[in-house]
């Protein structure tokens, strides 16, 4: 969290909440994942890779760009997007590791429960 010497104010927490809000959408995570794997892509390529429709994709690309996760480059009639802040993947890996641990723990508990049936 934001480090301060006393209670963190809502004004300081709001940008942190907004950051996580941008990442709370599955389609946006899919876009980030595709760009992480493939590098710079144009809108058509991202649409094909994610299966998102043009209007929906454009909305998410705008949000990701405004939040600073992506950069946008016009090249003729095509617009290309790339990851602007690769540090985002460190956060994603941390979260994925925690989710994996939680799911494994739940699976183990379920196996113990099944043993009683």
N, C-alpha and C. Protein backbone atom coordinates (compact mmCIF):
# COMPACT_ATOMS: atom_id res chain seq x y z
N UNK A 1 0.84 -1.18 0.00
CA UNK A 1 0.00 0.00 0.00
C UNK A 1 0.87 1.24 0.00
N UNK A 2 0.23 2.38 -0.06
CA UNK A 2 0.93 3.65 -0.02
C UNK A 2 1.54 3.81 1.36
N UNK A 3 2.84 4.08 1.41
CA UNK A 3 3.51 4.19 2.69
C UNK A 3 3.50 5.64 3.18
N UNK A 4 2.94 5.83 4.36
CA UNK A 4 2.93 7.13 5.01
C UNK A 4 3.17 6.91 6.49
N UNK A 5 3.45 7.99 7.18
CA UNK A 5 3.74 7.85 8.60
C UNK A 5 2.47 7.72 9.45
N UNK A 6 1.33 8.05 8.89
CA UNK A 6 0.08 7.93 9.63
C UNK A 6 -0.96 7.28 8.73
N UNK A 7 -2.20 7.35 9.15
CA UNK A 7 -3.30 6.77 8.38
C UNK A 7 -3.29 7.32 6.95
N UNK A 8 -3.42 6.43 5.99
CA UNK A 8 -3.42 6.84 4.58
C UNK A 8 -4.76 7.46 4.23
N UNK A 9 -4.72 8.61 3.63
CA UNK A 9 -5.95 9.33 3.30
C UNK A 9 -6.63 8.72 2.08
N UNK A 10 -7.93 8.89 1.99
CA UNK A 10 -8.65 8.41 0.80
C UNK A 10 -8.13 9.04 -0.49
N UNK A 11 -7.63 10.26 -0.40
CA UNK A 11 -7.10 10.93 -1.60
C UNK A 11 -5.88 10.19 -2.13
N UNK A 12 -5.09 9.61 -1.24
CA UNK A 12 -3.91 8.85 -1.68
C UNK A 12 -4.28 7.43 -2.11
N UNK A 13 -5.32 6.90 -1.53
CA UNK A 13 -5.75 5.54 -1.87
C UNK A 13 -6.54 5.49 -3.17
N UNK A 14 -7.19 6.57 -3.55
CA UNK A 14 -8.02 6.59 -4.75
C UNK A 14 -7.25 6.20 -6.02
N UNK A 15 -6.05 6.73 -6.25
CA UNK A 15 -5.31 6.30 -7.46
C UNK A 15 -4.92 4.82 -7.42
N UNK A 16 -4.65 4.31 -6.24
CA UNK A 16 -4.33 2.89 -6.10
C UNK A 16 -5.56 2.05 -6.46
N UNK A 17 -6.70 2.45 -5.96
CA UNK A 17 -7.94 1.74 -6.27
C UNK A 17 -8.23 1.81 -7.77
N UNK A 18 -7.99 2.95 -8.37
CA UNK A 18 -8.22 3.12 -9.80
C UNK A 18 -7.30 2.20 -10.62
N UNK A 19 -6.06 2.07 -10.18
CA UNK A 19 -5.08 1.20 -10.83
C UNK A 19 -5.61 -0.24 -10.86
N UNK A 20 -6.07 -0.72 -9.69
CA UNK A 20 -6.60 -2.07 -9.61
C UNK A 20 -7.93 -2.20 -10.37
N UNK A 21 -8.70 -1.14 -10.41
CA UNK A 21 -9.96 -1.16 -11.14
C UNK A 21 -9.72 -1.42 -12.63
N UNK A 22 -8.69 -0.79 -13.17
CA UNK A 22 -8.36 -1.00 -14.58
C UNK A 22 -8.03 -2.48 -14.83
N UNK A 23 -7.38 -3.11 -13.88
CA UNK A 23 -6.98 -4.51 -14.03
C UNK A 23 -8.08 -5.50 -13.65
N UNK A 24 -9.23 -5.01 -13.23
CA UNK A 24 -10.29 -5.90 -12.77
C UNK A 24 -11.18 -6.42 -13.88
N UNK A 25 -10.85 -6.14 -15.10
CA UNK A 25 -11.66 -6.55 -16.25
C UNK A 25 -10.93 -7.66 -17.02
N UNK A 26 -11.59 -8.79 -17.22
CA UNK A 26 -10.99 -9.95 -17.89
C UNK A 26 -10.49 -9.60 -19.28
N UNK A 27 -11.26 -8.83 -20.03
CA UNK A 27 -10.86 -8.47 -21.40
C UNK A 27 -9.56 -7.67 -21.40
N UNK A 28 -9.39 -6.79 -20.44
CA UNK A 28 -8.16 -6.00 -20.36
C UNK A 28 -6.96 -6.88 -20.02
N UNK A 29 -7.18 -7.83 -19.13
CA UNK A 29 -6.10 -8.77 -18.81
C UNK A 29 -5.74 -9.61 -20.03
N UNK A 30 -6.73 -9.99 -20.82
CA UNK A 30 -6.47 -10.75 -22.04
C UNK A 30 -5.66 -9.92 -23.04
N UNK A 31 -5.97 -8.65 -23.17
CA UNK A 31 -5.22 -7.76 -24.06
C UNK A 31 -3.78 -7.65 -23.59
N UNK A 32 -3.58 -7.43 -22.30
CA UNK A 32 -2.22 -7.33 -21.77
C UNK A 32 -1.45 -8.62 -22.00
N UNK A 33 -2.10 -9.75 -21.80
CA UNK A 33 -1.44 -11.04 -21.99
C UNK A 33 -1.02 -11.25 -23.44
N UNK A 34 -1.90 -10.93 -24.37
CA UNK A 34 -1.58 -11.07 -25.79
C UNK A 34 -0.40 -10.19 -26.17
N UNK A 35 -0.40 -8.95 -25.70
CA UNK A 35 0.70 -8.04 -26.02
C UNK A 35 2.00 -8.47 -25.34
N UNK A 36 1.90 -9.06 -24.16
CA UNK A 36 3.08 -9.56 -23.48
C UNK A 36 3.71 -10.69 -24.30
N UNK A 37 2.89 -11.55 -24.84
CA UNK A 37 3.38 -12.70 -25.60
C UNK A 37 3.84 -12.32 -27.00
N UNK A 38 3.15 -11.40 -27.64
CA UNK A 38 3.40 -11.12 -29.06
C UNK A 38 4.12 -9.82 -29.34
N UNK A 39 4.20 -8.94 -28.37
CA UNK A 39 4.82 -7.64 -28.62
C UNK A 39 3.83 -6.69 -29.27
N UNK A 40 4.34 -5.71 -29.97
CA UNK A 40 3.52 -4.68 -30.60
C UNK A 40 2.55 -5.30 -31.60
N UNK A 41 1.29 -4.87 -31.52
CA UNK A 41 0.25 -5.37 -32.42
C UNK A 41 -0.69 -4.24 -32.81
N UNK A 42 -1.29 -4.38 -33.98
CA UNK A 42 -2.31 -3.40 -34.35
C UNK A 42 -3.67 -3.88 -33.85
N UNK A 43 -4.65 -3.03 -33.99
CA UNK A 43 -5.98 -3.30 -33.43
C UNK A 43 -6.58 -4.58 -34.02
N UNK A 44 -6.42 -4.77 -35.32
CA UNK A 44 -6.97 -5.96 -35.96
C UNK A 44 -6.34 -7.23 -35.40
N UNK A 45 -5.03 -7.20 -35.22
CA UNK A 45 -4.33 -8.36 -34.68
C UNK A 45 -4.77 -8.66 -33.24
N UNK A 46 -4.93 -7.60 -32.45
CA UNK A 46 -5.39 -7.79 -31.06
C UNK A 46 -6.80 -8.36 -31.05
N UNK A 47 -7.66 -7.87 -31.93
CA UNK A 47 -9.03 -8.36 -32.01
C UNK A 47 -9.05 -9.84 -32.36
N UNK A 48 -8.23 -10.23 -33.32
CA UNK A 48 -8.18 -11.65 -33.72
C UNK A 48 -7.65 -12.52 -32.59
N UNK A 49 -6.63 -12.03 -31.88
CA UNK A 49 -6.00 -12.82 -30.82
C UNK A 49 -6.89 -12.96 -29.59
N UNK A 50 -7.70 -11.94 -29.31
CA UNK A 50 -8.53 -11.96 -28.10
C UNK A 50 -9.97 -12.38 -28.36
N UNK A 51 -10.41 -12.27 -29.59
CA UNK A 51 -11.80 -12.57 -29.91
C UNK A 51 -12.76 -11.45 -29.54
N UNK A 52 -12.22 -10.30 -29.18
CA UNK A 52 -13.07 -9.16 -28.81
C UNK A 52 -13.54 -8.43 -30.06
N UNK A 53 -14.76 -7.92 -30.00
CA UNK A 53 -15.29 -7.11 -31.09
C UNK A 53 -14.60 -5.75 -31.13
N UNK A 54 -14.64 -5.12 -32.28
CA UNK A 54 -13.94 -3.85 -32.50
C UNK A 54 -14.33 -2.77 -31.49
N UNK A 55 -15.61 -2.57 -31.28
CA UNK A 55 -16.06 -1.51 -30.37
C UNK A 55 -15.64 -1.80 -28.93
N UNK A 56 -15.82 -3.04 -28.50
CA UNK A 56 -15.44 -3.44 -27.15
C UNK A 56 -13.93 -3.32 -26.97
N UNK A 57 -13.18 -3.79 -27.95
CA UNK A 57 -11.72 -3.71 -27.90
C UNK A 57 -11.25 -2.26 -27.81
N UNK A 58 -11.80 -1.41 -28.64
CA UNK A 58 -11.41 0.01 -28.64
C UNK A 58 -11.62 0.65 -27.27
N UNK A 59 -12.73 0.31 -26.64
CA UNK A 59 -13.03 0.85 -25.30
C UNK A 59 -11.95 0.42 -24.31
N UNK A 60 -11.60 -0.85 -24.32
CA UNK A 60 -10.59 -1.36 -23.38
C UNK A 60 -9.19 -0.82 -23.69
N UNK A 61 -8.86 -0.70 -24.97
CA UNK A 61 -7.55 -0.14 -25.34
C UNK A 61 -7.42 1.30 -24.86
N UNK A 62 -8.50 2.05 -24.96
CA UNK A 62 -8.49 3.43 -24.49
C UNK A 62 -8.24 3.50 -22.99
N UNK A 63 -8.93 2.65 -22.23
CA UNK A 63 -8.76 2.63 -20.78
C UNK A 63 -7.32 2.25 -20.41
N UNK A 64 -6.80 1.21 -21.05
CA UNK A 64 -5.44 0.75 -20.76
C UNK A 64 -4.39 1.80 -21.14
N UNK A 65 -4.64 2.51 -22.22
CA UNK A 65 -3.70 3.56 -22.65
C UNK A 65 -3.76 4.75 -21.70
N UNK A 66 -4.96 5.18 -21.34
CA UNK A 66 -5.11 6.30 -20.41
C UNK A 66 -4.51 6.00 -19.05
N UNK A 67 -4.55 4.74 -18.64
CA UNK A 67 -4.00 4.34 -17.34
C UNK A 67 -2.48 4.18 -17.39
N UNK A 68 -1.90 4.24 -18.58
CA UNK A 68 -0.45 4.14 -18.71
C UNK A 68 0.09 2.73 -18.87
N UNK A 69 -0.80 1.75 -19.02
CA UNK A 69 -0.36 0.38 -19.22
C UNK A 69 0.13 0.13 -20.64
N UNK A 70 -0.50 0.82 -21.60
CA UNK A 70 -0.15 0.66 -23.01
C UNK A 70 0.29 1.98 -23.60
N UNK A 71 1.10 1.89 -24.66
CA UNK A 71 1.39 3.07 -25.47
C UNK A 71 0.78 2.82 -26.85
N UNK A 72 0.48 3.90 -27.52
CA UNK A 72 -0.24 3.86 -28.79
C UNK A 72 0.58 4.59 -29.84
N UNK A 73 0.74 3.96 -31.01
CA UNK A 73 1.52 4.58 -32.09
C UNK A 73 0.74 4.47 -33.39
N UNK A 74 0.48 5.62 -34.01
CA UNK A 74 -0.20 5.64 -35.31
C UNK A 74 0.84 5.39 -36.39
N UNK A 75 0.54 4.47 -37.32
CA UNK A 75 1.42 4.19 -38.44
C UNK A 75 0.55 4.08 -39.68
N UNK A 76 0.43 5.16 -40.40
CA UNK A 76 -0.48 5.20 -41.55
C UNK A 76 -1.91 5.13 -41.05
N UNK A 77 -2.67 4.18 -41.59
CA UNK A 77 -4.07 4.03 -41.16
C UNK A 77 -4.20 3.08 -39.98
N UNK A 78 -3.11 2.43 -39.60
CA UNK A 78 -3.15 1.47 -38.50
C UNK A 78 -2.66 2.09 -37.20
N UNK A 79 -3.21 1.62 -36.10
CA UNK A 79 -2.77 2.03 -34.78
C UNK A 79 -2.17 0.80 -34.11
N UNK A 80 -0.96 0.96 -33.58
CA UNK A 80 -0.26 -0.13 -32.93
C UNK A 80 -0.17 0.13 -31.43
N UNK A 81 -0.31 -0.94 -30.67
CA UNK A 81 -0.24 -0.85 -29.22
C UNK A 81 0.88 -1.75 -28.71
N UNK A 82 1.51 -1.30 -27.62
CA UNK A 82 2.52 -2.11 -26.96
C UNK A 82 2.48 -1.82 -25.47
N UNK A 83 3.09 -2.70 -24.71
CA UNK A 83 3.14 -2.54 -23.26
C UNK A 83 4.02 -1.35 -22.94
N UNK A 84 3.49 -0.41 -22.17
CA UNK A 84 4.24 0.78 -21.77
C UNK A 84 4.92 0.59 -20.42
N UNK A 85 4.34 -0.27 -19.60
CA UNK A 85 4.86 -0.48 -18.25
C UNK A 85 4.98 -1.98 -17.98
N UNK A 86 6.13 -2.59 -18.36
CA UNK A 86 6.27 -4.04 -18.18
C UNK A 86 6.25 -4.49 -16.72
N UNK A 87 6.40 -3.57 -15.79
CA UNK A 87 6.35 -3.93 -14.37
C UNK A 87 4.98 -4.49 -13.99
N UNK A 88 3.98 -4.23 -14.80
CA UNK A 88 2.64 -4.74 -14.52
C UNK A 88 2.65 -6.26 -14.43
N UNK A 89 3.56 -6.90 -15.16
CA UNK A 89 3.59 -8.36 -15.17
C UNK A 89 4.16 -8.94 -13.88
N UNK A 90 4.96 -8.19 -13.18
CA UNK A 90 5.42 -8.62 -11.86
C UNK A 90 4.22 -8.72 -10.91
N UNK A 91 3.37 -7.71 -10.97
CA UNK A 91 2.16 -7.72 -10.14
C UNK A 91 1.25 -8.88 -10.55
N UNK A 92 1.07 -9.07 -11.85
CA UNK A 92 0.21 -10.15 -12.33
C UNK A 92 0.75 -11.52 -11.91
N UNK A 93 2.06 -11.71 -11.97
CA UNK A 93 2.64 -12.99 -11.55
C UNK A 93 2.44 -13.21 -10.06
N UNK A 94 2.59 -12.16 -9.27
CA UNK A 94 2.37 -12.27 -7.83
C UNK A 94 0.93 -12.69 -7.55
N UNK A 95 -0.01 -12.03 -8.20
CA UNK A 95 -1.42 -12.34 -7.99
C UNK A 95 -1.73 -13.75 -8.48
N UNK A 96 -1.22 -14.11 -9.64
CA UNK A 96 -1.47 -15.46 -10.17
C UNK A 96 -0.92 -16.53 -9.24
N UNK A 97 0.27 -16.29 -8.68
CA UNK A 97 0.83 -17.24 -7.72
C UNK A 97 -0.06 -17.40 -6.50
N UNK A 98 -0.60 -16.30 -5.99
CA UNK A 98 -1.48 -16.36 -4.82
C UNK A 98 -2.78 -17.09 -5.15
N UNK A 99 -3.34 -16.82 -6.32
CA UNK A 99 -4.57 -17.49 -6.73
C UNK A 99 -4.31 -18.99 -6.88
N UNK A 100 -3.19 -19.34 -7.49
CA UNK A 100 -2.84 -20.75 -7.65
C UNK A 100 -2.70 -21.45 -6.30
N UNK A 101 -2.02 -20.81 -5.35
CA UNK A 101 -1.87 -21.37 -4.01
C UNK A 101 -3.23 -21.59 -3.35
N UNK A 102 -4.10 -20.59 -3.48
CA UNK A 102 -5.43 -20.70 -2.87
C UNK A 102 -6.23 -21.84 -3.50
N UNK A 103 -6.17 -21.97 -4.82
CA UNK A 103 -6.91 -23.03 -5.51
C UNK A 103 -6.36 -24.41 -5.15
N UNK A 104 -5.05 -24.52 -5.04
CA UNK A 104 -4.45 -25.80 -4.64
C UNK A 104 -4.88 -26.18 -3.22
N UNK A 105 -4.91 -25.20 -2.34
CA UNK A 105 -5.34 -25.44 -0.96
C UNK A 105 -6.80 -25.88 -0.94
N UNK A 106 -7.64 -25.23 -1.73
CA UNK A 106 -9.05 -25.62 -1.80
C UNK A 106 -9.20 -27.03 -2.36
N UNK A 107 -8.40 -27.36 -3.37
CA UNK A 107 -8.47 -28.70 -3.95
C UNK A 107 -8.07 -29.76 -2.93
N UNK A 108 -7.05 -29.46 -2.14
CA UNK A 108 -6.61 -30.40 -1.09
C UNK A 108 -7.71 -30.59 -0.05
N UNK A 109 -8.35 -29.50 0.32
CA UNK A 109 -9.44 -29.59 1.29
C UNK A 109 -10.60 -30.40 0.72
N UNK A 110 -10.87 -30.20 -0.55
CA UNK A 110 -11.95 -30.95 -1.20
C UNK A 110 -11.63 -32.44 -1.23
N UNK A 111 -10.37 -32.77 -1.52
CA UNK A 111 -9.96 -34.18 -1.53
C UNK A 111 -10.14 -34.81 -0.15
N UNK A 112 -9.80 -34.08 0.90
CA UNK A 112 -9.99 -34.58 2.26
C UNK A 112 -11.47 -34.80 2.55
N UNK A 113 -12.29 -33.88 2.08
CA UNK A 113 -13.73 -33.99 2.27
C UNK A 113 -14.28 -35.21 1.55
N UNK A 114 -13.82 -35.42 0.31
CA UNK A 114 -14.29 -36.57 -0.47
C UNK A 114 -13.93 -37.90 0.19
N UNK A 115 -12.82 -37.92 0.92
CA UNK A 115 -12.38 -39.14 1.59
C UNK A 115 -13.40 -39.59 2.64
N UNK A 116 -14.16 -38.64 3.18
CA UNK A 116 -15.17 -38.98 4.20
C UNK A 116 -16.47 -39.48 3.58
N UNK A 117 -16.66 -39.28 2.31
CA UNK A 117 -17.93 -39.68 1.66
C UNK A 117 -17.93 -41.14 1.29
